[in-house]
C-alpha atoms as a PDB file:
ATOM      1  CA  MET A   1     -45.313  38.966 -10.330  1.00  0.00           C
ATOM      2  CA  ALA A   2     -47.864  40.477  -7.955  1.00  0.00           C
ATOM      3  CA  LYS A   3     -47.151  40.911  -4.255  1.00  0.00           C
ATOM      4  CA  ILE A   4     -49.457  40.439  -1.292  1.00  0.00           C
ATOM      5  CA  LYS A   5     -49.243  41.579   2.322  1.00  0.00           C
ATOM      6  CA  ILE A   6     -50.225  39.004   4.954  1.00  0.00           C
ATOM      7  CA  THR A   7     -51.008  40.132   8.523  1.00  0.00           C
ATOM      8  CA  GLN A   8     -51.892  37.828  11.415  1.00  0.00           C
ATOM      9  CA  THR A   9     -55.090  39.055  13.068  1.00  0.00           C
ATOM     10  CA  ARG A  10     -56.034  36.165  15.370  1.00  0.00           C
ATOM     11  CA  SER A  11     -54.168  33.864  17.737  1.00  0.00           C
ATOM     12  CA  ALA A  12     -52.949  30.391  16.830  1.00  0.00           C
ATOM     13  CA  ILE A  13     -53.655  29.128  20.358  1.00  0.00           C
ATOM     14  CA  GLY A  14     -56.120  26.248  20.264  1.00  0.00           C
ATOM     15  CA  ARG A  15     -55.729  25.729  16.511  1.00  0.00           C
ATOM     16  CA  THR A  16     -54.672  22.513  14.839  1.00  0.00           C
ATOM     17  CA  LYS A  17     -51.007  21.637  14.540  1.00  0.00           C
ATOM     18  CA  ASN A  18     -51.221  22.056  10.763  1.00  0.00           C
ATOM     19  CA  GLN A  19     -52.510  25.633  11.088  1.00  0.00           C
ATOM     20  CA  ARG A  20     -49.833  26.606  13.641  1.00  0.00           C
ATOM     21  CA  GLN A  21     -47.078  25.165  11.458  1.00  0.00           C
ATOM     22  CA  THR A  22     -48.466  26.931   8.391  1.00  0.00           C
ATOM     23  CA  LEU A  23     -48.208  30.306  10.153  1.00  0.00           C
ATOM     24  CA  LEU A  24     -44.614  29.548  11.111  1.00  0.00           C
ATOM     25  CA  SER A  25     -43.828  28.465   7.541  1.00  0.00           C
ATOM     26  CA  LEU A  26     -45.152  31.775   6.291  1.00  0.00           C
ATOM     27  CA  GLY A  27     -42.821  33.491   8.775  1.00  0.00           C
ATOM     28  CA  ILE A  28     -45.506  34.926  11.032  1.00  0.00           C
ATOM     29  CA  HIS A  29     -44.934  34.489  14.766  1.00  0.00           C
ATOM     30  CA  LYS A  30     -47.314  36.871  16.562  1.00  0.00           C
ATOM     31  CA  ILE A  31     -50.505  38.876  16.148  1.00  0.00           C
ATOM     32  CA  GLY A  32     -50.038  42.076  14.192  1.00  0.00           C
ATOM     33  CA  GLN A  33     -46.921  40.852  12.399  1.00  0.00           C
ATOM     34  CA  SER A  34     -46.956  41.406   8.630  1.00  0.00           C
ATOM     35  CA  LEU A  35     -44.934  40.276   5.668  1.00  0.00           C
ATOM     36  CA  GLU A  36     -44.904  41.001   1.958  1.00  0.00           C
ATOM     37  CA  THR A  37     -44.397  38.090  -0.389  1.00  0.00           C
ATOM     38  CA  GLU A  38     -44.907  37.081  -4.000  1.00  0.00           C
ATOM     39  CA  LYS A  39     -48.359  35.820  -4.930  1.00  0.00           C
ATOM     40  CA  THR A  40     -47.523  32.217  -5.845  1.00  0.00           C
ATOM     41  CA  PRO A  41     -49.752  29.126  -5.774  1.00  0.00           C
ATOM     42  CA  VAL A  42     -47.754  27.746  -2.823  1.00  0.00           C
ATOM     43  CA  VAL A  43     -48.246  30.886  -0.722  1.00  0.00           C
ATOM     44  CA  LEU A  44     -51.930  31.152  -1.677  1.00  0.00           C
ATOM     45  CA  GLY A  45     -52.443  27.534  -0.566  1.00  0.00           C
ATOM     46  CA  MET A  46     -50.869  28.278   2.823  1.00  0.00           C
ATOM     47  CA  VAL A  47     -52.982  31.431   3.178  1.00  0.00           C
ATOM     48  CA  ASN A  48     -56.095  29.411   2.363  1.00  0.00           C
ATOM     49  CA  THR A  49     -55.264  27.036   5.243  1.00  0.00           C
ATOM     50  CA  VAL A  50     -55.164  29.905   7.770  1.00  0.00           C
ATOM     51  CA  LYS A  51     -57.532  32.376   6.085  1.00  0.00           C
ATOM     52  CA  HIS A  52     -59.532  32.812   9.302  1.00  0.00           C
ATOM     53  CA  LEU A  53     -56.370  33.885  11.194  1.00  0.00           C
ATOM     54  CA  VAL A  54     -54.861  36.356   8.704  1.00  0.00           C
ATOM     55  CA  LYS A  55     -55.749  39.391   6.601  1.00  0.00           C
ATOM     56  CA  VAL A  56     -54.485  39.510   3.009  1.00  0.00           C
ATOM     57  CA  GLU A  57     -54.055  42.715   0.989  1.00  0.00           C
ATOM     58  CA  LYS A  58     -52.764  43.450  -2.492  1.00  0.00           C
ATOM     59  CA  VAL A  59     -49.586  45.523  -2.582  1.00  0.00           C
ATOM     60  CA  THR A  60     -49.642  48.154  -5.303  1.00  0.00           C
ATOM     61  CA  ASP A  61     -46.554  49.589  -6.934  1.00  0.00           C
ATOM     62  CA  LYS A  62     -46.128  53.322  -6.626  1.00  0.00           C
END
């Protein structure tokens, strides 16, 4: 399965409770923090909720 890299680029301050909790569920706690995860429908749905706060990149195998 494909992997994606998610990086928080904007602050969660002043955002809705749902958006803040979605970032925490993804495992992102501060700006600049990144994680690599499988590209599943669940993860893509969470990313869609906070798409204005994160940057998403495809991870290519070497």
